[in-house]
Amino acid sequence: TDEEPHDRAIWRAMLARYVPNKGVT
């Protein structure tokens, strides 16, 4: 239910644009 991040790692995750590894079969 939090509305604001409580550490910098959450900010990093919110700004990240992650694409799953396509090399995984």
PDB file of all heavy atoms in Angstrom:
ATOM      1  N   THR A   1       0.804  -1.224   0.000  1.00  0.00           N
ATOM      2  CA  THR A   1       0.000   0.000   0.000  1.00  0.00           C
ATOM      3  C   THR A   1       0.835   1.270   0.000  1.00  0.00           C
ATOM      4  O   THR A   1       0.275   2.350   0.067  1.00  0.00           O
ATOM      5  CB  THR A   1      -0.935   0.013   1.221  1.00  0.00           C
ATOM      6  OG1 THR A   1      -0.138  -0.050   2.416  1.00  0.00           O
ATOM      7  CG2 THR A   1      -1.893  -1.161   1.194  1.00  0.00           C
ATOM      8  N   ASP A   2       2.172   1.155  -0.054  1.00  0.00           N
ATOM      9  CA  ASP A   2       3.011   2.360  -0.046  1.00  0.00           C
ATOM     10  C   ASP A   2       2.788   3.177  -1.311  1.00  0.00           C
ATOM     11  O   ASP A   2       2.537   2.635  -2.391  1.00  0.00           O
ATOM     12  CB  ASP A   2       4.490   1.986   0.063  1.00  0.00           C
ATOM     13  CG  ASP A   2       4.864   1.561   1.474  1.00  0.00           C
ATOM     14  OD1 ASP A   2       3.947   1.437   2.307  1.00  0.00           O
ATOM     15  OD2 ASP A   2       6.052   1.342   1.734  1.00  0.00           O
ATOM     16  N   GLU A   3       2.907   4.501  -1.158  1.00  0.00           N
ATOM     17  CA  GLU A   3       2.760   5.408  -2.290  1.00  0.00           C
ATOM     18  C   GLU A   3       4.075   6.058  -2.687  1.00  0.00           C
ATOM     19  O   GLU A   3       4.154   6.674  -3.741  1.00  0.00           O
ATOM     20  CB  GLU A   3       1.733   6.495  -1.949  1.00  0.00           C
ATOM     21  CG  GLU A   3       0.328   5.931  -1.708  1.00  0.00           C
ATOM     22  CD  GLU A   3      -0.673   7.011  -1.391  1.00  0.00           C
ATOM     23  OE1 GLU A   3      -0.255   8.194  -1.295  1.00  0.00           O
ATOM     24  OE2 GLU A   3      -1.867   6.696  -1.240  1.00  0.00           O
ATOM     25  N   GLU A   4       5.101   5.952  -1.849  1.00  0.00           N
ATOM     26  CA  GLU A   4       6.412   6.527  -2.151  1.00  0.00           C
ATOM     27  C   GLU A   4       7.493   5.486  -1.854  1.00  0.00           C
ATOM     28  O   GLU A   4       7.382   4.752  -0.867  1.00  0.00           O
ATOM     29  CB  GLU A   4       6.655   7.785  -1.320  1.00  0.00           C
ATOM     30  CG  GLU A   4       5.722   8.929  -1.661  1.00  0.00           C
ATOM     31  CD  GLU A   4       6.039  10.181  -0.871  1.00  0.00           C
ATOM     32  OE1 GLU A   4       7.005  10.121  -0.066  1.00  0.00           O
ATOM     33  OE2 GLU A   4       5.355  11.187  -1.039  1.00  0.00           O
ATOM     34  N   PRO A   5       8.538   5.431  -2.671  1.00  0.00           N
ATOM     35  CA  PRO A   5       9.628   4.472  -2.414  1.00  0.00           C
ATOM     36  C   PRO A   5      10.358   4.803  -1.124  1.00  0.00           C
ATOM     37  O   PRO A   5      10.536   5.977  -0.782  1.00  0.00           O
ATOM     38  CB  PRO A   5      10.545   4.643  -3.627  1.00  0.00           C
ATOM     39  CG  PRO A   5       9.738   5.358  -4.643  1.00  0.00           C
ATOM     40  CD  PRO A   5       8.750   6.186  -3.906  1.00  0.00           C
ATOM     41  N   HIS A   6      10.805   3.775  -0.392  1.00  0.00           N
ATOM     42  CA  HIS A   6      11.508   4.006   0.859  1.00  0.00           C
ATOM     43  C   HIS A   6      13.021   3.799   0.724  1.00  0.00           C
ATOM     44  O   HIS A   6      13.740   3.958   1.704  1.00  0.00           O
ATOM     45  CB  HIS A   6      10.966   3.085   1.968  1.00  0.00           C
ATOM     46  CG  HIS A   6      11.314   1.636   1.784  1.00  0.00           C
ATOM     47  ND1 HIS A   6      10.505   0.789   1.084  1.00  0.00           N
ATOM     48  CD2 HIS A   6      12.386   0.901   2.175  1.00  0.00           C
ATOM     49  CE1 HIS A   6      11.059  -0.419   1.076  1.00  0.00           C
ATOM     50  NE2 HIS A   6      12.196  -0.376   1.722  1.00  0.00           N
ATOM     51  N   ASP A   7      13.502   3.451  -0.470  1.00  0.00           N
ATOM     52  CA  ASP A   7      14.951   3.384  -0.677  1.00  0.00           C
ATOM     53  C   ASP A   7      15.258   3.636  -2.154  1.00  0.00           C
ATOM     54  O   ASP A   7      14.371   3.649  -3.005  1.00  0.00           O
ATOM     55  CB  ASP A   7      15.536   2.051  -0.190  1.00  0.00           C
ATOM     56  CG  ASP A   7      14.953   0.856  -0.921  1.00  0.00           C
ATOM     57  OD1 ASP A   7      14.818   0.920  -2.149  1.00  0.00           O
ATOM     58  OD2 ASP A   7      14.634  -0.143  -0.268  1.00  0.00           O
ATOM     59  N   ARG A   8      16.538   3.840  -2.434  1.00  0.00           N
ATOM     60  CA  ARG A   8      16.953   4.188  -3.796  1.00  0.00           C
ATOM     61  C   ARG A   8      16.810   3.019  -4.759  1.00  0.00           C
ATOM     62  O   ARG A   8      16.635   3.225  -5.968  1.00  0.00           O
ATOM     63  CB  ARG A   8      18.399   4.664  -3.777  1.00  0.00           C
ATOM     64  CG  ARG A   8      18.610   5.945  -2.991  1.00  0.00           C
ATOM     65  CD  ARG A   8      20.059   6.372  -3.038  1.00  0.00           C
ATOM     66  NE  ARG A   8      20.279   7.618  -2.291  1.00  0.00           N
ATOM     67  CZ  ARG A   8      21.457   8.190  -2.137  1.00  0.00           C
ATOM     68  NH1 ARG A   8      22.531   7.628  -2.686  1.00  0.00           N
ATOM     69  NH2 ARG A   8      21.574   9.305  -1.452  1.00  0.00           N
ATOM     70  N   ALA A   9      16.916   1.803  -4.247  1.00  0.00           N
ATOM     71  CA  ALA A   9      16.817   0.643  -5.127  1.00  0.00           C
ATOM     72  C   ALA A   9      15.450   0.571  -5.793  1.00  0.00           C
ATOM     73  O   ALA A   9      15.331   0.157  -6.952  1.00  0.00           O
ATOM     74  CB  ALA A   9      17.092  -0.630  -4.330  1.00  0.00           C
ATOM     75  N   ILE A  10      14.401   0.965  -5.074  1.00  0.00           N
ATOM     76  CA  ILE A  10      13.063   0.957  -5.680  1.00  0.00           C
ATOM     77  C   ILE A  10      12.981   1.975  -6.803  1.00  0.00           C
ATOM     78  O   ILE A  10      12.379   1.721  -7.853  1.00  0.00           O
ATOM     79  CB  ILE A  10      11.999   1.229  -4.598  1.00  0.00           C
ATOM     80  CG1 ILE A  10      12.042   0.143  -3.530  1.00  0.00           C
ATOM     81  CG2 ILE A  10      10.609   1.284  -5.222  1.00  0.00           C
ATOM     82  CD1 ILE A  10      11.093   0.364  -2.384  1.00  0.00           C
ATOM     83  N   TRP A  11      13.602   3.152  -6.606  1.00  0.00           N
ATOM     84  CA  TRP A  11      13.645   4.141  -7.685  1.00  0.00           C
ATOM     85  C   TRP A  11      14.350   3.561  -8.910  1.00  0.00           C
ATOM     86  O   TRP A  11      13.904   3.755 -10.043  1.00  0.00           O
ATOM     87  CB  TRP A  11      14.373   5.405  -7.215  1.00  0.00           C
ATOM     88  CG  TRP A  11      13.541   6.345  -6.401  1.00  0.00           C
ATOM     89  CD1 TRP A  11      13.695   6.676  -5.092  1.00  0.00           C
ATOM     90  CD2 TRP A  11      12.402   7.078  -6.872  1.00  0.00           C
ATOM     91  NE1 TRP A  11      12.724   7.569  -4.702  1.00  0.00           N
ATOM     92  CE2 TRP A  11      11.920   7.836  -5.781  1.00  0.00           C
ATOM     93  CE3 TRP A  11      11.741   7.166  -8.093  1.00  0.00           C
ATOM     94  CZ2 TRP A  11      10.815   8.674  -5.868  1.00  0.00           C
ATOM     95  CZ3 TRP A  11      10.631   7.997  -8.189  1.00  0.00           C
ATOM     96  CH2 TRP A  11      10.176   8.733  -7.103  1.00  0.00           C
ATOM     97  N   ARG A  12      15.460   2.843  -8.687  1.00  0.00           N
ATOM     98  CA  ARG A  12      16.184   2.229  -9.795  1.00  0.00           C
ATOM     99  C   ARG A  12      15.306   1.227 -10.527  1.00  0.00           C
ATOM    100  O   ARG A  12      15.297   1.172 -11.762  1.00  0.00           O
ATOM    101  CB  ARG A  12      17.441   1.544  -9.273  1.00  0.00           C
ATOM    102  CG  ARG A  12      18.531   2.488  -8.801  1.00  0.00           C
ATOM    103  CD  ARG A  12      19.678   1.730  -8.182  1.00  0.00           C
ATOM    104  NE  ARG A  12      20.145   0.676  -9.055  1.00  0.00           N
ATOM    105  CZ  ARG A  12      20.505  -0.541  -8.637  1.00  0.00           C
ATOM    106  NH1 ARG A  12      20.432  -0.855  -7.365  1.00  0.00           N
ATOM    107  NH2 ARG A  12      20.927  -1.434  -9.494  1.00  0.00           N
ATOM    108  N   ALA A  13      14.570   0.430  -9.771  1.00  0.00           N
ATOM    109  CA  ALA A  13      13.708  -0.570 -10.398  1.00  0.00           C
ATOM    110  C   ALA A  13      12.559   0.079 -11.159  1.00  0.00           C
ATOM    111  O   ALA A  13      12.156  -0.396 -12.229  1.00  0.00           O
ATOM    112  CB  ALA A  13      13.159  -1.516  -9.328  1.00  0.00           C
ATOM    113  N   MET A  14      12.030   1.184 -10.616  1.00  0.00           N
ATOM    114  CA  MET A  14      10.931   1.878 -11.302  1.00  0.00           C
ATOM    115  C   MET A  14      11.385   2.524 -12.603  1.00  0.00           C
ATOM    116  O   MET A  14      10.610   2.631 -13.565  1.00  0.00           O
ATOM    117  CB  MET A  14      10.328   2.925 -10.360  1.00  0.00           C
ATOM    118  CG  MET A  14       9.624   2.331  -9.145  1.00  0.00           C
ATOM    119  SD  MET A  14       9.092   3.571  -7.935  1.00  0.00           S
ATOM    120  CE  MET A  14       7.882   4.488  -8.887  1.00  0.00           C
ATOM    121  N   LEU A  15      12.641   2.962 -12.640  1.00  0.00           N
ATOM    122  CA  LEU A  15      13.172   3.608 -13.841  1.00  0.00           C
ATOM    123  C   LEU A  15      13.813   2.622 -14.813  1.00  0.00           C
ATOM    124  O   LEU A  15      14.163   3.003 -15.930  1.00  0.00           O
ATOM    125  CB  LEU A  15      14.201   4.673 -13.443  1.00  0.00           C
ATOM    126  CG  LEU A  15      13.664   5.829 -12.574  1.00  0.00           C
ATOM    127  CD1 LEU A  15      14.816   6.744 -12.162  1.00  0.00           C
ATOM    128  CD2 LEU A  15      12.603   6.612 -13.328  1.00  0.00           C
ATOM    129  N   ALA A  16      13.978   1.370 -14.396  1.00  0.00           N
ATOM    130  CA  ALA A  16      14.641   0.374 -15.241  1.00  0.00           C
ATOM    131  C   ALA A  16      13.742  -0.075 -16.379  1.00  0.00           C
ATOM    132  O   ALA A  16      12.518  -0.146 -16.242  1.00  0.00           O
ATOM    133  CB  ALA A  16      15.061  -0.827 -14.401  1.00  0.00           C
ATOM    134  N   ARG A  17      14.352  -0.386 -17.506  1.00  0.00           N
ATOM    135  CA  ARG A  17      13.644  -0.943 -18.666  1.00  0.00           C
ATOM    136  C   ARG A  17      14.277  -2.292 -18.967  1.00  0.00           C
ATOM    137  O   ARG A  17      15.201  -2.398 -19.766  1.00  0.00           O
ATOM    138  CB  ARG A  17      13.750   0.013 -19.866  1.00  0.00           C
ATOM    139  CG  ARG A  17      13.080   1.349 -19.655  1.00  0.00           C
ATOM    140  CD  ARG A  17      11.573   1.205 -19.564  1.00  0.00           C
ATOM    141  NE  ARG A  17      10.904   2.481 -19.367  1.00  0.00           N
ATOM    142  CZ  ARG A  17      10.575   2.968 -18.191  1.00  0.00           C
ATOM    143  NH1 ARG A  17      10.872   2.278 -17.095  1.00  0.00           N
ATOM    144  NH2 ARG A  17       9.954   4.119 -18.071  1.00  0.00           N
ATOM    145  N   TYR A  18      13.774  -3.301 -18.278  1.00  0.00           N
ATOM    146  CA  TYR A  18      14.407  -4.617 -18.356  1.00  0.00           C
ATOM    147  C   TYR A  18      13.700  -5.493 -19.379  1.00  0.00           C
ATOM    148  O   TYR A  18      12.460  -5.558 -19.421  1.00  0.00           O
ATOM    149  CB  TYR A  18      14.372  -5.291 -16.983  1.00  0.00           C
ATOM    150  CG  TYR A  18      14.938  -6.684 -16.990  1.00  0.00           C
ATOM    151  CD1 TYR A  18      16.304  -6.903 -17.137  1.00  0.00           C
ATOM    152  CD2 TYR A  18      14.100  -7.787 -16.856  1.00  0.00           C
ATOM    153  CE1 TYR A  18      16.822  -8.178 -17.148  1.00  0.00           C
ATOM    154  CE2 TYR A  18      14.614  -9.070 -16.860  1.00  0.00           C
ATOM    155  CZ  TYR A  18      15.973  -9.263 -17.012  1.00  0.00           C
ATOM    156  OH  TYR A  18      16.486 -10.532 -17.027  1.00  0.00           O
ATOM    157  N   VAL A  19      14.485  -6.154 -20.184  1.00  0.00           N
ATOM    158  CA  VAL A  19      13.969  -7.111 -21.170  1.00  0.00           C
ATOM    159  C   VAL A  19      14.528  -8.488 -20.813  1.00  0.00           C
ATOM    160  O   VAL A  19      15.751  -8.638 -20.644  1.00  0.00           O
ATOM    161  CB  VAL A  19      14.396  -6.728 -22.608  1.00  0.00           C
ATOM    162  CG1 VAL A  19      13.880  -7.756 -23.599  1.00  0.00           C
ATOM    163  CG2 VAL A  19      13.889  -5.335 -22.954  1.00  0.00           C
ATOM    164  N   PRO A  20      13.685  -9.503 -20.645  1.00  0.00           N
ATOM    165  CA  PRO A  20      14.185 -10.851 -20.290  1.00  0.00           C
ATOM    166  C   PRO A  20      15.214 -11.349 -21.294  1.00  0.00           C
ATOM    167  O   PRO A  20      15.185 -11.011 -22.486  1.00  0.00           O
ATOM    168  CB  PRO A  20      12.906 -11.706 -20.313  1.00  0.00           C
ATOM    169  CG  PRO A  20      11.797 -10.737 -20.062  1.00  0.00           C
ATOM    170  CD  PRO A  20      12.218  -9.451 -20.723  1.00  0.00           C
ATOM    171  N   ASN A  21      16.117 -12.122 -20.779  1.00  0.00           N
ATOM    172  CA  ASN A  21      17.200 -12.660 -21.602  1.00  0.00           C
ATOM    173  C   ASN A  21      16.636 -13.568 -22.691  1.00  0.00           C
ATOM    174  O   ASN A  21      16.005 -14.598 -22.413  1.00  0.00           O
ATOM    175  CB  ASN A  21      18.177 -13.439 -20.713  1.00  0.00           C
ATOM    176  CG  ASN A  21      19.433 -13.831 -21.457  1.00  0.00           C
ATOM    177  OD1 ASN A  21      19.574 -13.574 -22.655  1.00  0.00           O
ATOM    178  ND2 ASN A  21      20.347 -14.452 -20.738  1.00  0.00           N
ATOM    179  N   LYS A  22      16.865 -13.193 -23.933  1.00  0.00           N
ATOM    180  CA  LYS A  22      16.332 -13.978 -25.052  1.00  0.00           C
ATOM    181  C   LYS A  22      17.146 -15.236 -25.312  1.00  0.00           C
ATOM    182  O   LYS A  22      16.685 -16.149 -26.010  1.00  0.00           O
ATOM    183  CB  LYS A  22      16.298 -13.113 -26.324  1.00  0.00           C
ATOM    184  CG  LYS A  22      15.351 -11.919 -26.217  1.00  0.00           C
ATOM    185  CD  LYS A  22      15.343 -11.126 -27.517  1.00  0.00           C
ATOM    186  CE  LYS A  22      14.378  -9.961 -27.424  1.00  0.00           C
ATOM    187  NZ  LYS A  22      14.351  -9.155 -28.684  1.00  0.00           N
ATOM    188  N   GLY A  23      18.347 -15.290 -24.759  1.00  0.00           N
ATOM    189  CA  GLY A  23      19.180 -16.459 -24.963  1.00  0.00           C
ATOM    190  C   GLY A  23      18.785 -17.647 -24.095  1.00  0.00           C
ATOM    191  O   GLY A  23      19.297 -18.754 -24.309  1.00  0.00           O
ATOM    192  N   VAL A  24      17.883 -17.435 -23.143  1.00  0.00           N
ATOM    193  CA  VAL A  24      17.447 -18.531 -22.270  1.00  0.00           C
ATOM    194  C   VAL A  24      16.439 -19.394 -23.020  1.00  0.00           C
ATOM    195  O   VAL A  24      15.451 -18.890 -23.564  1.00  0.00           O
ATOM    196  CB  VAL A  24      16.838 -17.977 -20.968  1.00  0.00           C
ATOM    197  CG1 VAL A  24      16.353 -19.123 -20.091  1.00  0.00           C
ATOM    198  CG2 VAL A  24      17.853 -17.133 -20.232  1.00  0.00           C
ATOM    199  N   THR A  25      16.661 -20.678 -23.032  1.00  0.00           N
ATOM    200  CA  THR A  25      15.759 -21.612 -23.710  1.00  0.00           C
ATOM    201  C   THR A  25      15.042 -22.475 -22.686  1.00  0.00           C
ATOM    202  O   THR A  25      15.391 -22.502 -21.507  1.00  0.00           O
ATOM    203  CB  THR A  25      16.556 -22.505 -24.673  1.00  0.00           C
ATOM    204  OG1 THR A  25      17.556 -23.234 -23.925  1.00  0.00           O
ATOM    205  CG2 THR A  25      17.250 -21.670 -25.739  1.00  0.00           C
TER     206      THR A  25
END
